[in-house]
PDB file of N, CA and C in Angstrom:
ATOM      1  N   MET A   1     143.695  64.412  90.781  1.00  0.00           N
ATOM      2  CA  MET A   1     143.615  64.717  89.588  1.00  0.00           C
ATOM      3  C   MET A   1     141.828  65.315  89.842  1.00  0.00           C
ATOM      4  N   ASN A   2     141.794  66.346  89.361  1.00  0.00           N
ATOM      5  CA  ASN A   2     140.643  67.290  89.387  1.00  0.00           C
ATOM      6  C   ASN A   2     139.887  66.358  88.931  1.00  0.00           C
ATOM      7  N   PRO A   3     138.795  66.651  89.269  1.00  0.00           N
ATOM      8  CA  PRO A   3     137.579  65.725  89.128  1.00  0.00           C
ATOM      9  C   PRO A   3     136.854  66.191  87.787  1.00  0.00           C
ATOM     10  N   LEU A   4     137.309  67.531  86.899  1.00  0.00           N
ATOM     11  CA  LEU A   4     136.752  67.977  85.813  1.00  0.00           C
ATOM     12  C   LEU A   4     137.944  67.299  84.826  1.00  0.00           C
ATOM     13  N   VAL A   5     138.233  66.849  84.659  1.00  0.00           N
ATOM     14  CA  VAL A   5     139.724  66.363  83.582  1.00  0.00           C
ATOM     15  C   VAL A   5     139.148  65.536  82.844  1.00  0.00           C
ATOM     16  N   PRO A   6     138.073  64.537  83.789  1.00  0.00           N
ATOM     17  CA  PRO A   6     137.532  63.352  82.696  1.00  0.00           C
ATOM     18  C   PRO A   6     136.464  63.990  81.910  1.00  0.00           C
ATOM     19  N   LEU A   7     136.187  64.502  82.524  1.00  0.00           N
ATOM     20  CA  LEU A   7     134.264  65.315  82.385  1.00  0.00           C
ATOM     21  C   LEU A   7     134.767  66.575  81.339  1.00  0.00           C
ATOM     22  N   LEU A   8     135.853  66.907  80.887  1.00  0.00           N
ATOM     23  CA  LEU A   8     136.117  67.878  79.982  1.00  0.00           C
ATOM     24  C   LEU A   8     136.658  67.230  79.000  1.00  0.00           C
ATOM     25  N   SER A   9     137.880  65.707  78.868  1.00  0.00           N
ATOM     26  CA  SER A   9     137.660  65.384  77.784  1.00  0.00           C
ATOM     27  C   SER A   9     136.579  64.360  77.128  1.00  0.00           C
ATOM     28  N   LEU A  10     135.365  64.642  78.053  1.00  0.00           N
ATOM     29  CA  LEU A  10     134.309  63.583  77.338  1.00  0.00           C
ATOM     30  C   LEU A  10     133.832  64.685  76.506  1.00  0.00           C
ATOM     31  N   LEU A  11     133.575  65.478  76.898  1.00  0.00           N
ATOM     32  CA  LEU A  11     133.088  66.980  76.668  1.00  0.00           C
ATOM     33  C   LEU A  11     133.553  67.146  75.035  1.00  0.00           C
ATOM     34  N   LEU A  12     135.319  67.202  74.928  1.00  0.00           N
ATOM     35  CA  LEU A  12     136.116  67.891  73.812  1.00  0.00           C
ATOM     36  C   LEU A  12     135.764  66.865  72.998  1.00  0.00           C
ATOM     37  N   LEU A  13     134.771  65.655  72.739  1.00  0.00           N
ATOM     38  CA  LEU A  13     134.829  64.780  71.552  1.00  0.00           C
ATOM     39  C   LEU A  13     133.292  65.659  70.530  1.00  0.00           C
ATOM     40  N   PRO A  14     132.623  65.612  71.301  1.00  0.00           N
ATOM     41  CA  PRO A  14     131.287  66.076  70.213  1.00  0.00           C
ATOM     42  C   PRO A  14     131.727  67.431  69.559  1.00  0.00           C
ATOM     43  N   ILE A  15     131.933  68.289  70.912  1.00  0.00           N
ATOM     44  CA  ILE A  15     132.778  69.416  70.337  1.00  0.00           C
ATOM     45  C   ILE A  15     134.009  69.938  69.604  1.00  0.00           C
ATOM     46  N   ALA A  16     134.496  68.888  69.489  1.00  0.00           N
ATOM     47  CA  ALA A  16     135.762  68.713  68.022  1.00  0.00           C
ATOM     48  C   ALA A  16     134.618  68.157  66.880  1.00  0.00           C
ATOM     49  N   ALA A  17     133.909  67.024  66.863  1.00  0.00           N
ATOM     50  CA  ALA A  17     133.046  67.202  65.582  1.00  0.00           C
ATOM     51  C   ALA A  17     132.418  68.387  65.461  1.00  0.00           C
ATOM     52  N   ILE A  18     132.261  68.856  66.549  1.00  0.00           N
ATOM     53  CA  ILE A  18     130.619  69.857  65.774  1.00  0.00           C
ATOM     54  C   ILE A  18     131.456  71.248  64.920  1.00  0.00           C
ATOM     55  N   CYS A  19     132.767  71.412  65.592  1.00  0.00           N
ATOM     56  CA  CYS A  19     134.016  72.417  65.007  1.00  0.00           C
ATOM     57  C   CYS A  19     134.267  71.750  63.544  1.00  0.00           C
ATOM     58  N   ALA A  20     134.527  70.351  63.599  1.00  0.00           N
ATOM     59  CA  ALA A  20     135.348  69.934  62.229  1.00  0.00           C
ATOM     60  C   ALA A  20     133.911  70.120  61.591  1.00  0.00           C
ATOM     61  N   LEU A  21     132.615  69.606  61.829  1.00  0.00           N
ATOM     62  CA  LEU A  21     131.463  69.689  60.873  1.00  0.00           C
ATOM     63  C   LEU A  21     131.607  71.648  60.472  1.00  0.00           C
ATOM     64  N   LEU A  22     131.983  72.687  61.562  1.00  0.00           N
ATOM     65  CA  LEU A  22     131.229  73.901  60.992  1.00  0.00           C
ATOM     66  C   LEU A  22     132.236  74.767  60.062  1.00  0.00           C
ATOM     67  N   TYR A  23     133.845  73.548  60.332  1.00  0.00           N
ATOM     68  CA  TYR A  23     135.221  74.210  59.392  1.00  0.00           C
ATOM     69  C   TYR A  23     134.571  73.097  58.014  1.00  0.00           C
ATOM     70  N   LEU A  24     134.448  72.490  57.925  1.00  0.00           N
ATOM     71  CA  LEU A  24     134.093  71.929  56.595  1.00  0.00           C
ATOM     72  C   LEU A  24     132.523  72.210  55.674  1.00  0.00           C
ATOM     73  N   ASP A  25     132.097  72.598  56.406  1.00  0.00           N
ATOM     74  CA  ASP A  25     130.793  72.968  55.559  1.00  0.00           C
ATOM     75  C   ASP A  25     130.936  74.371  55.092  1.00  0.00           C
ATOM     76  N   THR A  26     130.652  73.950  53.327  1.00  0.00           N
ATOM     77  CA  THR A  26     130.933  75.168  52.548  1.00  0.00           C
ATOM     78  C   THR A  26     130.065  76.724  53.152  1.00  0.00           C
ATOM     79  N   GLY A  27     128.797  75.913  53.335  1.00  0.00           N
ATOM     80  CA  GLY A  27     127.435  77.068  53.541  1.00  0.00           C
ATOM     81  C   GLY A  27     127.717  77.893  54.903  1.00  0.00           C
ATOM     82  N   ILE A  28     128.530  77.219  55.988  1.00  0.00           N
ATOM     83  CA  ILE A  28     128.742  78.439  56.903  1.00  0.00           C
ATOM     84  C   ILE A  28     129.911  79.476  56.965  1.00  0.00           C
ATOM     85  N   GLU A  29     129.782  80.471  57.416  1.00  0.00           N
ATOM     86  CA  GLU A  29     130.539  81.648  57.043  1.00  0.00           C
ATOM     87  C   GLU A  29     131.345  81.134  57.791  1.00  0.00           C
ATOM     88  N   PRO A  30     133.136  81.567  57.312  1.00  0.00           N
ATOM     89  CA  PRO A  30     134.409  81.651  58.633  1.00  0.00           C
ATOM     90  C   PRO A  30     133.900  82.333  59.610  1.00  0.00           C
ATOM     91  N   ALA A  31     133.027  83.530  59.191  1.00  0.00           N
ATOM     92  CA  ALA A  31     133.180  84.324  60.900  1.00  0.00           C
ATOM     93  C   ALA A  31     132.059  82.947  62.139  1.00  0.00           C
ATOM     94  N   LEU A  32     131.547  82.443  61.525  1.00  0.00           N
ATOM     95  CA  LEU A  32     130.450  81.840  62.689  1.00  0.00           C
ATOM     96  C   LEU A  32     131.650  80.770  62.925  1.00  0.00           C
ATOM     97  N   PHE A  33     132.391  80.141  62.279  1.00  0.00           N
ATOM     98  CA  PHE A  33     133.341  79.098  62.721  1.00  0.00           C
ATOM     99  C   PHE A  33     134.225  79.999  64.034  1.00  0.00           C
ATOM    100  N   TRP A  34     134.755  80.937  63.924  1.00  0.00           N
ATOM    101  CA  TRP A  34     135.875  81.293  64.582  1.00  0.00           C
ATOM    102  C   TRP A  34     135.063  81.915  65.632  1.00  0.00           C
ATOM    103  N   ALA A  35     133.617  82.273  65.404  1.00  0.00           N
ATOM    104  CA  ALA A  35     133.185  82.903  66.507  1.00  0.00           C
ATOM    105  C   ALA A  35     132.715  81.960  67.975  1.00  0.00           C
ATOM    106  N   THR A  36     132.654  80.526  66.904  1.00  0.00           N
ATOM    107  CA  THR A  36     132.369  78.903  67.631  1.00  0.00           C
ATOM    108  C   THR A  36     133.589  79.054  68.417  1.00  0.00           C
ATOM    109  N   VAL A  37     134.797  79.148  68.058  1.00  0.00           N
ATOM    110  CA  VAL A  37     136.197  78.849  68.854  1.00  0.00           C
ATOM    111  C   VAL A  37     136.234  79.769  69.827  1.00  0.00           C
ATOM    112  N   LYS A  38     136.063  81.322  69.729  1.00  0.00           N
ATOM    113  CA  LYS A  38     136.333  81.837  70.420  1.00  0.00           C
ATOM    114  C   LYS A  38     135.356  81.953  71.491  1.00  0.00           C
ATOM    115  N   THR A  39     134.309  81.840  71.992  1.00  0.00           N
ATOM    116  CA  THR A  39     133.191  81.423  72.556  1.00  0.00           C
ATOM    117  C   THR A  39     133.835  79.901  73.118  1.00  0.00           C
ATOM    118  N   PHE A  40     134.156  78.843  72.582  1.00  0.00           N
ATOM    119  CA  PHE A  40     134.647  77.480  73.216  1.00  0.00           C
ATOM    120  C   PHE A  40     136.002  77.937  73.833  1.00  0.00           C
ATOM    121  N   ALA A  41     136.437  78.869  73.358  1.00  0.00           N
ATOM    122  CA  ALA A  41     138.391  79.024  74.759  1.00  0.00           C
ATOM    123  C   ALA A  41     137.686  80.198  75.920  1.00  0.00           C
ATOM    124  N   ILE A  42     136.910  80.960  75.727  1.00  0.00           N
ATOM    125  CA  ILE A  42     136.443  82.043  76.704  1.00  0.00           C
ATOM    126  C   ILE A  42     135.800  80.698  77.708  1.00  0.00           C
ATOM    127  N   LEU A  43     134.685  79.890  77.076  1.00  0.00           N
ATOM    128  CA  LEU A  43     133.933  79.302  78.460  1.00  0.00           C
ATOM    129  C   LEU A  43     135.210  78.412  79.331  1.00  0.00           C
ATOM    130  N   PHE A  44     136.326  78.080  78.055  1.00  0.00           N
ATOM    131  CA  PHE A  44     137.163  76.778  78.714  1.00  0.00           C
ATOM    132  C   PHE A  44     137.851  77.523  79.768  1.00  0.00           C
ATOM    133  N   VAL A  45     138.242  78.567  79.272  1.00  0.00           N
ATOM    134  CA  VAL A  45     139.183  79.375  80.367  1.00  0.00           C
ATOM    135  C   VAL A  45     137.953  79.850  81.439  1.00  0.00           C
ATOM    136  N   VAL A  46     137.062  80.485  81.545  1.00  0.00           N
ATOM    137  CA  VAL A  46     136.246  80.370  82.960  1.00  0.00           C
ATOM    138  C   VAL A  46     135.888  79.412  83.726  1.00  0.00           C
ATOM    139  N   GLY A  47     135.673  78.353  82.867  1.00  0.00           N
ATOM    140  CA  GLY A  47     135.298  76.786  83.654  1.00  0.00           C
ATOM    141  C   GLY A  47     136.902  76.514  84.463  1.00  0.00           C
ATOM    142  N   GLY A  48     138.284  76.775  83.663  1.00  0.00           N
ATOM    143  CA  GLY A  48     139.362  76.194  84.556  1.00  0.00           C
ATOM    144  C   GLY A  48     139.419  77.626  85.549  1.00  0.00           C
ATOM    145  N   ALA A  49     139.416  78.854  85.785  1.00  0.00           N
ATOM    146  CA  ALA A  49     139.131  79.786  86.948  1.00  0.00           C
ATOM    147  C   ALA A  49     138.574  79.263  87.945  1.00  0.00           C
ATOM    148  N   MET A  50     137.034  78.751  87.340  1.00  0.00           N
ATOM    149  CA  MET A  50     136.101  79.005  88.042  1.00  0.00           C
ATOM    150  C   MET A  50     136.875  77.617  89.417  1.00  0.00           C
ATOM    151  N   SER A  51     137.037  76.218  88.481  1.00  0.00           N
ATOM    152  CA  SER A  51     137.456  75.039  89.259  1.00  0.00           C
ATOM    153  C   SER A  51     138.650  75.134  89.991  1.00  0.00           C
ATOM    154  N   TYR A  52     139.705  76.538  90.093  1.00  0.00           N
ATOM    155  CA  TYR A  52     141.094  76.865  90.366  1.00  0.00           C
ATOM    156  C   TYR A  52     140.598  77.063  91.603  1.00  0.00           C
ATOM    157  N   ALA A  53     139.373  78.421  91.710  1.00  0.00           N
ATOM    158  CA  ALA A  53     139.045  78.860  92.881  1.00  0.00           C
ATOM    159  C   ALA A  53     138.120  77.616  93.693  1.00  0.00           C
ATOM    160  N   ALA A  54     137.324  76.833  92.935  1.00  0.00           N
ATOM    161  CA  ALA A  54     136.596  76.080  93.596  1.00  0.00           C
ATOM    162  C   ALA A  54     137.567  75.122  94.810  1.00  0.00           C
ATOM    163  N   SER A  55     138.819  74.654  93.951  1.00  0.00           N
ATOM    164  CA  SER A  55     139.606  73.137  94.344  1.00  0.00           C
ATOM    165  C   SER A  55     140.612  74.399  95.753  1.00  0.00           C
ATOM    166  N   ARG A  56     140.912  76.099  95.199  1.00  0.00           N
ATOM    167  CA  ARG A  56     141.435  76.728  96.408  1.00  0.00           C
ATOM    168  C   ARG A  56     140.220  76.877  97.890  1.00  0.00           C
ATOM    169  N   LEU A  57     139.229  77.215  97.807  1.00  0.00           N
ATOM    170  CA  LEU A  57     138.548  77.320  98.834  1.00  0.00           C
ATOM    171  C   LEU A  57     138.555  75.828  99.108  1.00  0.00           C
ATOM    172  N   ALA A  58     137.969  75.037  98.887  1.00  0.00           N
ATOM    173  CA  ALA A  58     137.779  73.352  99.610  1.00  0.00           C
ATOM    174  C   ALA A  58     139.064  73.390 100.153  1.00  0.00           C
ATOM    175  N   ASP A  59     140.357  73.404  99.841  1.00  0.00           N
ATOM    176  CA  ASP A  59     141.549  73.289 100.246  1.00  0.00           C
ATOM    177  C   ASP A  59     141.622  74.125 101.726  1.00  0.00           C
ATOM    178  N   ARG A  60     141.219  75.666 101.610  1.00  0.00           N
ATOM    179  CA  ARG A  60     140.802  76.326 103.133  1.00  0.00           C
ATOM    180  C   ARG A  60     140.314  75.491 103.626  1.00  0.00           C
ATOM    181  N   THR A  61     139.148  75.019 103.580  1.00  0.00           N
ATOM    182  CA  THR A  61     137.800  74.361 104.585  1.00  0.00           C
ATOM    183  C   THR A  61     138.253  73.600 104.746  1.00  0.00           C
ATOM    184  N   HIS A  62     139.414  72.970 104.733  1.00  0.00           N
ATOM    185  CA  HIS A  62     139.966  71.441 104.739  1.00  0.00           C
ATOM    186  C   HIS A  62     141.574  71.655 105.991  1.00  0.00           C
ATOM    187  N   ALA A  63     141.653  73.223 106.168  1.00  0.00           N
ATOM    188  CA  ALA A  63     143.008  73.000 106.712  1.00  0.00           C
ATOM    189  C   ALA A  63     142.634  73.466 108.399  1.00  0.00           C
TER     190      ALA A  63
END
């Protein structure tokens, strides 16, 4: 199993709570909430790609 999976699940809990607060708060503009969601999605994809690349590189060095 990828070692980032437990770390990601640990990080998702506070991020989900922050997103819930941003979504439910009436003083926050919806554009700010959607910018937060888009930023998290982009960082998630970049982190996943880096993790995949690192695992491929590690497999290549062990072979």
